[in-house]
Amino acid sequence: MTFYQLRALVRDNSTNYILVDVRTPAEYRAGHIPTAVLIPYDTIADNPPTTDKNALIILYCRSGSRAGVAYNTLSSRGYTNLVNFGAVSSWKDKLVTGGNP
């Protein structure tokens, strides 16, 4: 998924995806992509973003590595529509700071 594809989803206020920041709460508060929910990669196995295993789930982190771990974790649990967006720096628009993760 490209930046432009993700930006279109975010701007359209689409409900057809779940954007998951898999970093730490401190990293999330420092700046996250609009609409993102926080589920740290090391807790996603016990706290998946949805029970719908066909939902579009887009994952990102600082570099893409933790998003890859989260991708593999969800995939091994039967989730089928996953995207590793990679690094938060791939988001070229303004990040949202603060927030209650």
Protein backbone atom coordinates (compact mmCIF):
# COMPACT_ATOMS: atom_id res chain seq x y z
CA MET A 1 0.00 0.00 0.00
CA THR A 2 1.30 3.42 -0.91
CA PHE A 3 1.11 6.61 1.08
CA TYR A 4 -1.47 7.92 -1.38
CA GLN A 5 -3.70 4.88 -1.00
CA LEU A 6 -3.60 5.11 2.80
CA ARG A 7 -4.16 8.87 2.73
CA ALA A 8 -7.27 8.33 0.59
CA LEU A 9 -8.67 5.92 3.19
CA VAL A 10 -7.90 8.31 6.05
CA ARG A 11 -9.29 11.37 4.26
CA ASP A 12 -12.45 9.60 3.11
CA ASN A 13 -13.18 8.64 6.70
CA SER A 14 -13.53 5.10 5.46
CA THR A 15 -14.59 2.47 7.94
CA ASN A 16 -13.35 -0.31 5.68
CA TYR A 17 -9.96 -0.64 7.35
CA ILE A 18 -8.25 -0.70 10.72
CA LEU A 19 -4.96 1.18 10.98
CA VAL A 20 -2.79 -0.20 13.77
CA ASP A 21 0.29 1.45 15.26
CA VAL A 22 2.30 -1.39 16.80
CA ARG A 23 4.87 0.81 18.57
CA THR A 24 5.05 1.69 22.26
CA PRO A 25 2.58 4.05 23.95
CA ALA A 26 5.28 6.74 24.21
CA GLU A 27 6.03 6.50 20.48
CA TYR A 28 2.31 6.66 19.70
CA ARG A 29 1.85 9.81 21.81
CA ALA A 30 4.89 11.41 20.13
CA GLY A 31 3.17 11.17 16.75
CA HIS A 32 0.87 8.73 14.99
CA ILE A 33 -1.04 8.58 11.73
CA PRO A 34 -4.61 9.92 11.99
CA THR A 35 -7.21 7.20 12.75
CA ALA A 36 -4.54 4.78 14.06
CA VAL A 37 -5.22 2.68 17.11
CA LEU A 38 -2.37 1.54 19.32
CA ILE A 39 -1.79 -2.17 19.81
CA PRO A 40 1.88 -2.85 20.60
CA TYR A 41 3.28 -5.68 18.49
CA ASP A 42 4.10 -7.78 21.54
CA THR A 43 0.46 -7.74 22.71
CA ILE A 44 -1.36 -8.08 19.38
CA ALA A 45 -1.69 -11.88 19.67
CA ASP A 46 -3.87 -11.45 22.77
CA ASN A 47 -5.49 -8.19 21.62
CA PRO A 48 -6.21 -8.36 17.89
CA PRO A 49 -7.86 -5.24 16.45
CA THR A 50 -10.96 -7.18 15.38
CA THR A 51 -12.42 -10.66 15.37
CA ASP A 52 -13.20 -10.30 11.65
CA LYS A 53 -10.36 -12.26 10.08
CA ASN A 54 -11.14 -10.81 6.63
CA ALA A 55 -10.99 -7.15 7.70
CA LEU A 56 -8.38 -4.93 6.08
CA ILE A 57 -5.76 -4.36 8.78
CA ILE A 58 -2.91 -1.95 8.02
CA LEU A 59 0.10 -2.13 10.34
CA TYR A 60 3.00 0.27 10.85
CA CYS A 61 5.81 1.04 13.29
CA ARG A 62 9.06 3.04 13.34
CA SER A 63 10.91 1.06 10.67
CA GLY A 64 8.55 -1.69 9.51
CA SER A 65 10.19 -4.45 11.54
CA ARG A 66 7.69 -4.63 14.40
CA ALA A 67 4.85 -4.27 11.89
CA GLY A 68 6.29 -7.35 10.17
CA VAL A 69 6.23 -9.28 13.44
CA ALA A 70 2.62 -8.20 14.04
CA TYR A 71 1.75 -9.16 10.45
CA ASN A 72 3.18 -12.65 10.95
CA THR A 73 1.42 -13.00 14.30
CA LEU A 74 -1.99 -12.10 12.87
CA SER A 75 -1.42 -14.14 9.73
CA SER A 76 -0.62 -17.23 11.80
CA ARG A 77 -3.96 -16.71 13.56
CA GLY A 78 -5.92 -16.74 10.32
CA TYR A 79 -6.13 -13.05 9.41
CA THR A 80 -6.10 -12.79 5.62
CA ASN A 81 -6.23 -9.12 4.60
CA LEU A 82 -3.09 -7.64 6.15
CA VAL A 83 -0.83 -4.86 4.94
CA ASN A 84 2.55 -3.86 6.38
CA PHE A 85 2.66 -0.12 5.64
CA GLY A 86 6.14 -0.12 7.10
CA ALA A 87 7.63 2.96 8.73
CA VAL A 88 5.63 5.82 10.18
CA SER A 89 8.02 8.08 8.24
CA SER A 90 6.34 6.82 5.05
CA TRP A 91 3.36 8.95 6.08
CA LYS A 92 4.04 12.32 4.43
CA ASP A 93 1.21 14.29 6.04
CA LYS A 94 1.01 15.65 9.56
CA LEU A 95 1.06 13.22 12.47
CA VAL A 96 -1.31 13.45 15.42
CA THR A 97 0.42 13.91 18.77
CA GLY A 98 -0.77 13.04 22.24
CA GLY A 99 -3.85 10.98 22.70
CA ASN A 100 -4.79 8.23 25.01
CA PRO A 101 -3.39 5.05 23.53
